[in-house]
Structure formats: C-alpha cells, structure tokens
Amino acid sequence: MVSALQNLVDSLGHTLQRSIAVDDAEIRLIVYSSHYGDEDRARTQSLVERRVTGRMLEYLTGHGIKSWREPKYMDGDETLGLKRRLVLPLWSRHQLLGYVWIIAETDLNPEEMAASIETSTHIADVLSQLAEHERQEERQRETLARSLVAEDIDSRDNASRKLNGLGLFTKTRYFTAVLIVPAQGSPSSPSQAEPFSRDEVNRVMAPRLRETYLFAPVSDGALVVLGSEKVLRQAAAEAMARDIQKQVSLLRGSEGGNAWVIGVGAPANGLGSVHISFRQAVAAAKTAKAEGLGVGVWSSLGPATLLAALHVEKLDVDIVPEELRRLSTAYSPETLRLVEVFLDTAGSAARTAEVLHMHRTTVYYQLGQFQQSSGLKLDDGSTRFLLHLWFKIQRLTTLWQ
C-alpha cells in the first residue's frame, strides 16, 4: 500500500512539477515526491527528521489545520525556511488521516487544483485502508498482551509463540511490565476513568519505537509490556516511570502529578515470564497507592514487596492484638506517623526528626509518651516488628477493601 501512495505522489508531482509530501495526522512524513527546484529548508529538514517539531509544529498547528476539511493555502514563513503551500487535509468518514503538502509559491490553476483534489481523495482511500489494517494488527497485539499475563499457562505459551511468529521482539531478551492506573479506586472498586486508547499510549511512550512495546487497555488503565536488549536497571526504571507518569498526567489533564500511579515490575527473562513481571507491577502500583506515591518500582519497594505478595485483602480485626487495634482511636494521625517514620528509619531519632522537620528532643519526648501510654516498647525487636507490620498491612488492606 505504501508503494501505491508513492506512485500517486510521484504522478501528481510530475503533473504539477511541484514538490509534494504526505504526512500522517501527527505530521509525520509518510511519502514524498522528487524535488522540482522549489524545495525549501523546511522540506529538507522534514525529509531528514521524518517529523515536524518545535516552532515549525506550532506554526502549522496554529493555523488550525487539524480542523480543516477543504484545501487551503498556507502562507510561508522566512524565519522557518517555509515557503507558501497548498494543504489538502485527508479525511476518512470520521477521522483525520493526514495531509498532502504542495509547495505553491503561485496558485494552482483550476485543472491542477482538480488533479490535486482527485489524487488526495485516492491517497485518503489508501491511508484509510492502511489505518484499518493497523487497527486489526493493534487489536491482535492487545489480545496477545493480555494473554501473556493470563493465569492460564496455555494462553501464555500460545501468546509467546504467536508473538515470535509475528517477528516481534526478535532482538529482545528482557521484558518489563508497566501498569498505569488512577490513584483513586482499586480492582475491587474501580474509578470512573476511561481506559487508555492506543493513540494515548503511543504518545505517552514516545519517543520509544512502537516495535519495542505491547499495549493493552486493562480495567480503567493500561498495561505496557516493554522490551529491551539489556536488563532495565532500577534507576532507569524509576526515571522511565516518572516520565510516563508526567506524560499521562499532562495527557489526561491532571497536572497535579499524582492523579495516576505507575507500577513497574522487575525485568522478565523471556516472554514466558512476563506474567510474573505483571503481577509485580500490580503489587507495585498497589503499594504506591497505599503509600501515597505516584510511582512504584518493584525492585525498590524493599519489605513492601513481601507484604504485597501475601495478597492480604481482608484482616480478621477481632483477633488482632488489642494494643494494636486501639491505636487508631487512641492516638492522633500525627503521633502514629511519628512512630511509623521512627520504625521506617530503623529507630533513628535523628533521621525521624529530619524527615518530619521536628526537633530531636521533641521526637524523643513524643516517642516516650507513646511508649508509656501504649505499653509498646520500641526498644524491643519483636514489638518493633509487630508494630511496623501492623502499620503497613493496615494501610494495604484499607485501600483494597
């Protein structure tokens, strides 16, 4: 089909004796004609970079071309190295498919305009067929992505074989599951957020090549299976997750930063182990929600990974020790936070004071008051473990009930 597009563009370029290019709806180059002596700096640059960015993109979109339905001339801009052009928007019935750009320092005559419109109609037909073919491939890949993380081993094995048969990930050894979910809601009580579309995820994952990842909408979020030749290290995983969170927040209009949570599993060696990375990503997202974080990377969660692996979604509160059950009613959230941070920092009053921006003397005093009134001795290893475990499990189970 690409060759059909090329033939159409070459034929029209020869007829008009003008340079022509065809872009997709995101103004990324698809095909272009030979030069006819009218080429400008903007054209040369787009042929090299294959897409339009920066000031040039702002200039083009600033004319409202995404809403154009009829051919229009667009003035050039000397500072951008852009000559005047005729722009023919390409539409299917309901979707913008792209644009035909014809360098036009002078107007086309009626016969040339008619030929350009006729050719652009044929180009739109081909692009529509290409888009439908791509949608079918994407749907197949989404199905395979979900099958890769299914509980049924036969489904996972079948998906692995099909992906290998499609020639995807031929040079990829490691696979990391990334889960994008709203900060509000849970699997048992989902939020009302709309599932992600392919286009949204493609924008979020840019500039990564689409051949390096699979995508599937899940519940009210998205699953991305990212392939790589080398193991994705913890620092790189955290940086990637924060970048994805930023892009998702901007895309969905949530600039606050933590409206979305990103869970990242550990790299899996081979497609057959992606389901493990996925379960880790789910647990990482769950833990990040519980801790009020925007990003949860499995390899950096420490002891929380063990708690998440327990799948504790309900506690029999009646048999929890009385001294633990009464904490939430007997003490203020600030006091309980102080004790938890003290335990998080391995019993360091100095680090606790630093984290909570308190004077060290105040930390010692309040901890002493807590021990005296609760009967829980923070210098006893078993008591510390019991109390610390209670704080973490309570938060997780409260979130998922």
Protein backbone atom coordinates (compact mmCIF):
# COMPACT_ATOMS: atom_id res chain seq x y z
CA MET A 1 0.00 0.00 0.00
CA VAL A 2 2.93 2.34 0.66
CA SER A 3 4.06 1.78 -2.93
CA ALA A 4 0.58 2.81 -4.10
CA LEU A 5 0.94 6.05 -2.13
CA GLN A 6 4.35 6.65 -3.65
CA ASN A 7 3.00 6.15 -7.18
CA LEU A 8 0.17 8.62 -6.56
CA VAL A 9 2.52 11.27 -5.17
CA ASP A 10 5.10 10.78 -7.95
CA SER A 11 2.41 11.05 -10.62
CA LEU A 12 0.92 14.24 -9.16
CA GLY A 13 4.35 15.78 -8.63
CA HIS A 14 5.24 15.10 -12.26
CA THR A 15 1.94 16.60 -13.43
CA LEU A 16 2.28 19.75 -11.34
CA GLN A 17 6.07 20.00 -11.50
CA ARG A 18 5.95 20.87 -7.80
CA SER A 19 7.40 19.19 -4.71
CA ILE A 20 4.85 17.20 -2.69
CA ALA A 21 4.84 15.42 0.66
CA VAL A 22 2.27 13.35 2.53
CA ASP A 23 2.20 13.33 6.35
CA ASP A 24 0.03 11.44 8.81
CA ALA A 25 -2.32 13.19 11.25
CA GLU A 26 0.58 13.81 13.67
CA ILE A 27 2.55 15.49 10.83
CA ARG A 28 4.99 12.61 10.48
CA LEU A 29 6.30 12.01 6.98
CA ILE A 30 4.90 9.05 5.04
CA VAL A 31 5.98 9.59 1.39
CA TYR A 32 7.30 12.43 -0.75
CA SER A 33 7.92 13.24 -4.39
CA SER A 34 11.10 14.18 -6.17
CA HIS A 35 12.28 17.79 -5.88
CA TYR A 36 11.30 20.18 -8.64
CA GLY A 37 13.64 23.06 -7.81
CA ASP A 38 11.17 24.62 -5.39
CA GLU A 39 12.28 22.78 -2.25
CA ASP A 40 12.90 24.85 0.89
CA ARG A 41 14.71 24.38 4.19
CA ALA A 42 11.55 23.16 5.92
CA ARG A 43 11.09 20.38 3.34
CA THR A 44 14.71 19.28 3.51
CA GLN A 45 14.59 19.17 7.30
CA SER A 46 11.36 17.16 7.36
CA LEU A 47 12.83 14.59 4.96
CA VAL A 48 15.75 14.09 7.31
CA GLU A 49 13.88 14.08 10.62
CA ARG A 50 10.69 12.40 9.27
CA ARG A 51 8.52 14.58 11.51
CA VAL A 52 7.82 18.21 12.39
CA THR A 53 8.59 19.53 15.87
CA GLY A 54 9.22 22.75 17.80
CA ARG A 55 8.42 26.13 16.28
CA MET A 56 7.51 24.62 12.94
CA LEU A 57 4.89 22.37 14.56
CA GLU A 58 3.50 25.35 16.50
CA TYR A 59 3.29 27.38 13.30
CA LEU A 60 1.43 24.69 11.37
CA THR A 61 -0.99 23.67 14.11
CA GLY A 62 -1.52 27.34 14.99
CA HIS A 63 -3.36 27.69 11.69
CA GLY A 64 -5.92 25.15 12.91
CA ILE A 65 -5.12 22.60 10.23
CA LYS A 66 -6.46 19.70 12.32
CA SER A 67 -9.96 21.06 11.75
CA TRP A 68 -9.55 21.89 8.04
CA ARG A 69 -11.86 19.98 5.73
CA GLU A 70 -11.10 21.73 2.44
CA PRO A 71 -7.86 22.57 0.58
CA LYS A 72 -6.35 25.86 1.72
CA TYR A 73 -3.23 27.86 1.04
CA MET A 74 -0.92 28.48 3.99
CA ASP A 75 1.44 31.43 3.95
CA GLY A 76 5.13 30.75 4.30
CA ASP A 77 7.49 32.00 6.99
CA GLU A 78 11.00 33.07 6.03
CA THR A 79 12.33 32.65 9.56
CA LEU A 80 11.31 28.98 9.46
CA GLY A 81 12.55 28.42 5.93
CA LEU A 82 8.96 27.65 4.91
CA LYS A 83 7.54 28.56 1.51
CA ARG A 84 3.84 29.00 0.80
CA ARG A 85 1.97 25.72 0.50
CA LEU A 86 -1.32 24.26 -0.57
CA VAL A 87 -2.58 21.99 2.20
CA LEU A 88 -5.06 19.24 1.36
CA PRO A 89 -6.39 17.58 4.55
CA LEU A 90 -7.04 13.84 4.23
CA TRP A 91 -10.14 12.51 5.95
CA SER A 92 -11.95 9.23 6.22
CA ARG A 93 -15.59 9.48 7.21
CA HIS A 94 -14.86 10.48 10.81
CA GLN A 95 -11.07 10.55 11.18
CA LEU A 96 -8.26 12.87 10.14
CA LEU A 97 -5.74 10.69 8.33
CA GLY A 98 -3.09 13.22 7.32
CA TYR A 99 -2.16 15.98 4.90
CA VAL A 100 -0.89 16.49 1.38
CA TRP A 101 1.56 19.40 1.21
CA ILE A 102 2.25 21.02 -2.16
CA ILE A 103 4.78 23.82 -2.39
CA ALA A 104 2.84 26.61 -4.08
CA GLU A 105 4.60 29.95 -4.40
CA THR A 106 1.97 30.64 -7.06
CA ASP A 107 -1.64 29.44 -7.10
CA LEU A 108 -2.55 26.23 -8.88
CA ASN A 109 -4.75 26.68 -11.95
CA PRO A 110 -8.22 25.05 -11.94
CA GLU A 111 -7.03 21.92 -13.76
CA GLU A 112 -4.09 21.50 -11.36
CA MET A 113 -6.35 22.00 -8.35
CA ALA A 114 -8.82 19.40 -9.66
CA ALA A 115 -5.99 16.91 -10.20
CA SER A 116 -4.66 17.58 -6.70
CA ILE A 117 -8.07 17.07 -5.10
CA GLU A 118 -8.67 13.86 -7.07
CA THR A 119 -5.27 12.48 -6.10
CA SER A 120 -5.74 13.44 -2.46
CA THR A 121 -9.02 11.51 -2.45
CA HIS A 122 -7.20 8.40 -3.69
CA ILE A 123 -4.46 8.95 -1.09
CA ALA A 124 -7.10 9.20 1.65
CA ASP A 125 -8.61 5.89 0.50
CA VAL A 126 -5.23 4.16 0.73
CA LEU A 127 -4.48 5.69 4.13
CA SER A 128 -7.91 4.59 5.36
CA GLN A 129 -7.12 1.00 4.31
CA LEU A 130 -3.72 1.24 6.00
CA ALA A 131 -5.34 2.57 9.17
CA GLU A 132 -7.85 -0.29 9.25
CA HIS A 133 -5.07 -2.83 8.69
CA GLU A 134 -3.08 -1.22 11.51
CA ARG A 135 -6.12 -1.29 13.82
CA GLN A 136 -6.54 -5.01 13.18
CA GLU A 137 -2.87 -5.62 13.96
CA GLU A 138 -3.10 -3.50 17.10
CA ARG A 139 -6.17 -5.40 18.31
CA GLN A 140 -4.32 -8.67 17.78
CA ARG A 141 -1.35 -7.36 19.73
CA GLU A 142 -3.60 -6.18 22.56
CA THR A 143 -5.14 -9.64 22.79
CA LEU A 144 -1.69 -11.23 22.87
CA ALA A 145 -0.51 -8.78 25.55
CA ARG A 146 -3.42 -9.72 27.81
CA SER A 147 -2.79 -13.40 27.14
CA LEU A 148 0.86 -13.01 28.14
CA VAL A 149 -0.22 -12.11 31.69
CA ALA A 150 -3.14 -14.53 31.95
CA GLU A 151 -3.31 -17.09 34.75
CA ASP A 152 -3.69 -19.93 32.24
CA ILE A 153 -0.28 -21.25 31.19
CA ASP A 154 -1.55 -22.49 27.82
CA SER A 155 -2.78 -18.98 26.96
CA ARG A 156 0.61 -17.53 27.89
CA ASP A 157 2.54 -20.10 25.86
CA ASN A 158 0.28 -19.62 22.85
CA ALA A 159 0.71 -15.83 23.02
CA SER A 160 4.50 -16.19 23.20
CA ARG A 161 4.54 -18.42 20.14
CA LYS A 162 2.30 -16.07 18.14
CA LEU A 163 4.38 -13.02 19.03
CA ASN A 164 7.53 -14.82 17.97
CA GLY A 165 5.77 -15.89 14.78
CA LEU A 166 4.87 -12.28 14.02
CA GLY A 167 8.55 -11.39 14.20
CA LEU A 168 8.09 -9.05 17.16
CA PHE A 169 10.87 -8.66 19.73
CA THR A 170 13.31 -10.69 17.63
CA LYS A 171 16.28 -8.92 19.24
CA THR A 172 14.70 -8.50 22.64
CA ARG A 173 15.53 -10.65 25.63
CA TYR A 174 14.08 -8.84 28.64
CA PHE A 175 10.51 -7.65 29.20
CA THR A 176 9.22 -5.28 31.86
CA ALA A 177 5.53 -4.88 32.70
CA VAL A 178 4.33 -1.33 33.33
CA LEU A 179 0.87 -0.69 34.76
CA ILE A 180 -0.84 2.72 34.51
CA VAL A 181 -3.81 3.13 36.87
CA PRO A 182 -5.69 6.02 38.51
CA ALA A 183 -4.57 6.97 42.01
CA GLN A 184 -8.20 6.67 43.14
CA GLY A 185 -10.05 3.36 43.10
CA SER A 186 -8.90 -0.26 43.21
CA PRO A 187 -9.53 -3.51 41.34
CA SER A 188 -12.47 -4.22 43.65
CA SER A 189 -13.74 -0.64 43.45
CA PRO A 190 -12.53 0.85 40.15
CA SER A 191 -12.58 4.55 39.43
CA GLN A 192 -14.61 6.03 36.60
CA ALA A 193 -11.55 6.87 34.49
CA GLU A 194 -11.75 5.94 30.82
CA PRO A 195 -9.45 3.11 29.64
CA PHE A 196 -6.46 4.29 27.66
CA SER A 197 -6.53 4.25 23.88
CA ARG A 198 -3.70 3.08 21.65
CA ASP A 199 -3.04 6.64 20.46
CA GLU A 200 -2.73 7.88 24.04
CA VAL A 201 -0.24 5.19 24.99
CA ASN A 202 1.73 5.74 21.80
CA ARG A 203 2.05 9.41 22.75
CA VAL A 204 2.98 8.57 26.33
CA MET A 205 5.65 6.09 25.24
CA ALA A 206 7.17 8.39 22.60
CA PRO A 207 9.92 8.55 21.54
CA ARG A 208 10.25 4.79 22.11
CA LEU A 209 9.84 2.75 18.92
CA ARG A 210 6.43 1.09 18.75
CA GLU A 211 8.19 -2.18 17.90
CA THR A 212 9.65 -2.26 21.42
CA TYR A 213 6.43 -2.49 23.40
CA LEU A 214 2.97 -4.06 23.59
CA PHE A 215 -0.08 -2.28 24.92
CA ALA A 216 -3.45 -3.44 26.21
CA PRO A 217 -6.20 -1.50 28.00
CA VAL A 218 -6.94 -3.06 31.39
CA SER A 219 -9.75 -2.11 33.76
CA ASP A 220 -9.52 1.69 33.88
CA GLY A 221 -5.86 1.98 32.96
CA ALA A 222 -3.27 0.44 30.67
CA LEU A 223 -0.74 -2.38 30.56
CA VAL A 224 2.50 -1.82 28.67
CA VAL A 225 4.99 -4.64 28.11
CA LEU A 226 8.32 -3.00 27.32
CA GLY A 227 11.05 -4.99 25.59
CA SER A 228 14.77 -4.29 25.90
CA GLU A 229 18.05 -5.91 24.93
CA LYS A 230 19.51 -5.35 28.39
CA VAL A 231 18.10 -5.53 31.90
CA LEU A 232 16.28 -2.34 32.83
CA ARG A 233 18.12 -1.14 35.94
CA GLN A 234 16.32 0.27 38.95
CA ALA A 235 17.37 3.88 38.37
CA ALA A 236 16.36 3.68 34.71
CA ALA A 237 13.04 2.05 35.63
CA GLU A 238 12.26 4.80 38.14
CA ALA A 239 13.18 7.55 35.66
CA MET A 240 11.06 5.91 32.97
CA ALA A 241 8.10 5.50 35.35
CA ARG A 242 8.23 9.16 36.42
CA ASP A 243 8.42 10.28 32.81
CA ILE A 244 5.41 8.11 31.93
CA GLN A 245 3.51 9.50 34.92
CA LYS A 246 4.28 13.06 33.82
CA GLN A 247 3.16 12.38 30.26
CA VAL A 248 -0.02 10.63 31.40
CA SER A 249 -0.89 13.48 33.77
CA LEU A 250 -0.43 16.05 31.02
CA LEU A 251 -2.36 13.95 28.53
CA ARG A 252 -5.31 13.40 30.83
CA GLY A 253 -5.26 16.97 32.16
CA SER A 254 -4.04 16.06 35.66
CA GLU A 255 -1.07 18.33 36.19
CA GLY A 256 -1.09 17.70 39.93
CA GLY A 257 1.27 14.81 39.30
CA ASN A 258 -0.19 12.03 41.45
CA ALA A 259 -3.58 11.56 39.77
CA TRP A 260 -2.08 8.49 38.12
CA VAL A 261 0.05 5.74 39.57
CA ILE A 262 2.70 3.83 37.63
CA GLY A 263 3.60 0.31 38.77
CA VAL A 264 6.72 -1.29 37.29
CA GLY A 265 7.61 -4.96 37.62
CA ALA A 266 11.09 -6.48 37.54
CA PRO A 267 12.53 -7.35 34.10
CA ALA A 268 11.49 -10.84 32.98
CA ASN A 269 13.86 -13.07 31.03
CA GLY A 270 11.76 -14.02 28.02
CA LEU A 271 8.12 -13.62 27.04
CA GLY A 272 7.17 -16.70 29.05
CA SER A 273 7.91 -14.87 32.31
CA VAL A 274 6.09 -11.60 31.58
CA HIS A 275 3.17 -12.70 33.78
CA ILE A 276 5.48 -12.55 36.81
CA SER A 277 6.60 -9.02 35.96
CA PHE A 278 2.92 -8.10 35.54
CA ARG A 279 1.97 -9.40 38.98
CA GLN A 280 4.89 -7.45 40.41
CA ALA A 281 3.69 -4.31 38.59
CA VAL A 282 0.20 -4.78 40.07
CA ALA A 283 1.68 -5.15 43.56
CA ALA A 284 3.98 -2.16 42.99
CA ALA A 285 1.03 0.01 41.95
CA LYS A 286 -0.97 -1.23 44.93
CA THR A 287 1.85 -0.38 47.31
CA ALA A 288 2.45 3.02 45.70
CA LYS A 289 -1.24 3.86 46.20
CA ALA A 290 -1.08 2.77 49.83
CA GLU A 291 1.97 4.94 50.44
CA GLY A 292 0.58 7.94 48.57
CA LEU A 293 3.29 7.72 45.90
CA GLY A 294 2.97 8.29 42.19
CA VAL A 295 5.45 5.61 41.20
CA GLY A 296 6.05 2.11 42.49
CA VAL A 297 9.04 0.16 41.13
CA TRP A 298 9.10 -3.42 42.35
CA SER A 299 12.86 -3.60 42.75
CA SER A 300 12.90 -0.54 45.06
CA LEU A 301 9.98 -1.39 47.36
CA GLY A 302 12.01 -3.38 49.88
CA PRO A 303 9.95 -5.19 52.56
CA ALA A 304 6.72 -3.95 50.97
CA THR A 305 7.23 -6.49 48.18
CA LEU A 306 6.76 -9.34 50.66
CA LEU A 307 3.60 -7.79 52.08
CA ALA A 308 2.19 -7.27 48.60
CA ALA A 309 2.96 -10.89 47.72
CA LEU A 310 0.77 -12.05 50.61
CA HIS A 311 -2.39 -10.80 48.86
CA VAL A 312 -3.84 -9.79 52.22
CA GLU A 313 -7.09 -8.07 51.26
CA LYS A 314 -9.01 -8.68 54.46
CA LEU A 315 -8.00 -8.86 58.11
CA ASP A 316 -9.92 -10.55 60.91
CA VAL A 317 -9.70 -7.48 63.13
CA ASP A 318 -11.30 -9.26 66.06
CA ILE A 319 -8.22 -11.41 66.61
CA VAL A 320 -5.67 -8.65 66.08
CA PRO A 321 -3.94 -7.84 69.41
CA GLU A 322 -5.89 -5.25 71.42
CA GLU A 323 -2.90 -2.93 71.80
CA LEU A 324 -2.74 -2.65 68.02
CA ARG A 325 -6.48 -2.31 67.37
CA ARG A 326 -6.81 0.63 69.73
CA LEU A 327 -4.01 2.67 68.19
CA SER A 328 -6.14 4.38 65.55
CA THR A 329 -8.65 5.64 68.11
CA ALA A 330 -6.29 6.34 71.00
CA TYR A 331 -3.69 8.37 69.11
CA SER A 332 -3.69 11.18 66.58
CA PRO A 333 -2.56 10.56 62.98
CA GLU A 334 0.47 12.77 63.69
CA THR A 335 1.61 10.57 66.58
CA LEU A 336 1.14 7.37 64.58
CA ARG A 337 3.02 8.91 61.67
CA LEU A 338 5.87 9.77 64.03
CA VAL A 339 6.09 6.17 65.26
CA GLU A 340 5.91 4.76 61.72
CA VAL A 341 8.68 7.03 60.45
CA PHE A 342 10.77 6.08 63.50
CA LEU A 343 10.37 2.43 62.52
CA ASP A 344 10.97 3.18 58.82
CA THR A 345 14.30 4.79 59.72
CA ALA A 346 15.45 1.78 61.76
CA GLY A 347 14.85 3.52 65.08
CA SER A 348 16.86 6.64 64.30
CA ALA A 349 15.51 9.66 66.16
CA ALA A 350 17.83 11.95 64.20
CA ARG A 351 16.55 10.76 60.82
CA THR A 352 12.97 10.84 62.07
CA ALA A 353 13.39 14.45 63.13
CA GLU A 354 14.86 15.26 59.73
CA VAL A 355 12.04 13.57 57.77
CA LEU A 356 9.27 15.18 59.85
CA HIS A 357 11.03 18.54 60.29
CA MET A 358 10.92 18.27 64.07
CA HIS A 359 13.40 18.94 66.84
CA ARG A 360 15.13 15.78 68.00
CA THR A 361 14.19 16.48 71.61
CA THR A 362 10.52 16.63 70.59
CA VAL A 363 10.86 13.27 68.84
CA TYR A 364 12.34 11.65 71.96
CA TYR A 365 9.65 13.17 74.17
CA GLN A 366 6.69 12.11 71.99
CA LEU A 367 8.05 8.60 71.49
CA GLY A 368 8.49 8.28 75.24
CA GLN A 369 4.92 9.40 75.83
CA PHE A 370 3.69 6.90 73.26
CA GLN A 371 5.57 4.00 74.84
CA GLN A 372 4.37 4.88 78.32
CA SER A 373 0.68 5.17 77.36
CA SER A 374 0.52 2.28 74.87
CA GLY A 375 2.67 -0.23 76.71
CA LEU A 376 4.53 -0.93 73.47
CA LYS A 377 8.31 -0.88 73.95
CA LEU A 378 10.08 0.48 70.89
CA ASP A 379 13.45 -0.88 72.05
CA ASP A 380 12.13 -4.45 71.77
CA GLY A 381 12.79 -6.12 68.40
CA SER A 382 9.62 -8.24 68.36
CA THR A 383 7.43 -5.26 69.30
CA ARG A 384 9.03 -3.14 66.60
CA PHE A 385 8.40 -5.85 64.01
CA LEU A 386 4.78 -6.34 65.11
CA LEU A 387 4.04 -2.61 65.11
CA HIS A 388 5.76 -1.94 61.81
CA LEU A 389 3.93 -4.84 60.17
CA TRP A 390 0.62 -3.56 61.52
CA PHE A 391 1.13 -0.10 60.04
CA LYS A 392 1.89 -1.48 56.57
CA ILE A 393 -0.75 -4.21 56.43
CA GLN A 394 -3.46 -1.94 57.77
CA ARG A 395 -2.82 0.61 55.03
CA LEU A 396 -2.79 -2.00 52.28
CA THR A 397 -5.94 -3.77 53.42
CA THR A 398 -7.80 -0.48 53.98
CA LEU A 399 -7.04 0.53 50.40
CA TRP A 400 -8.23 -2.71 48.84
CA GLN A 401 -11.32 -3.49 50.88
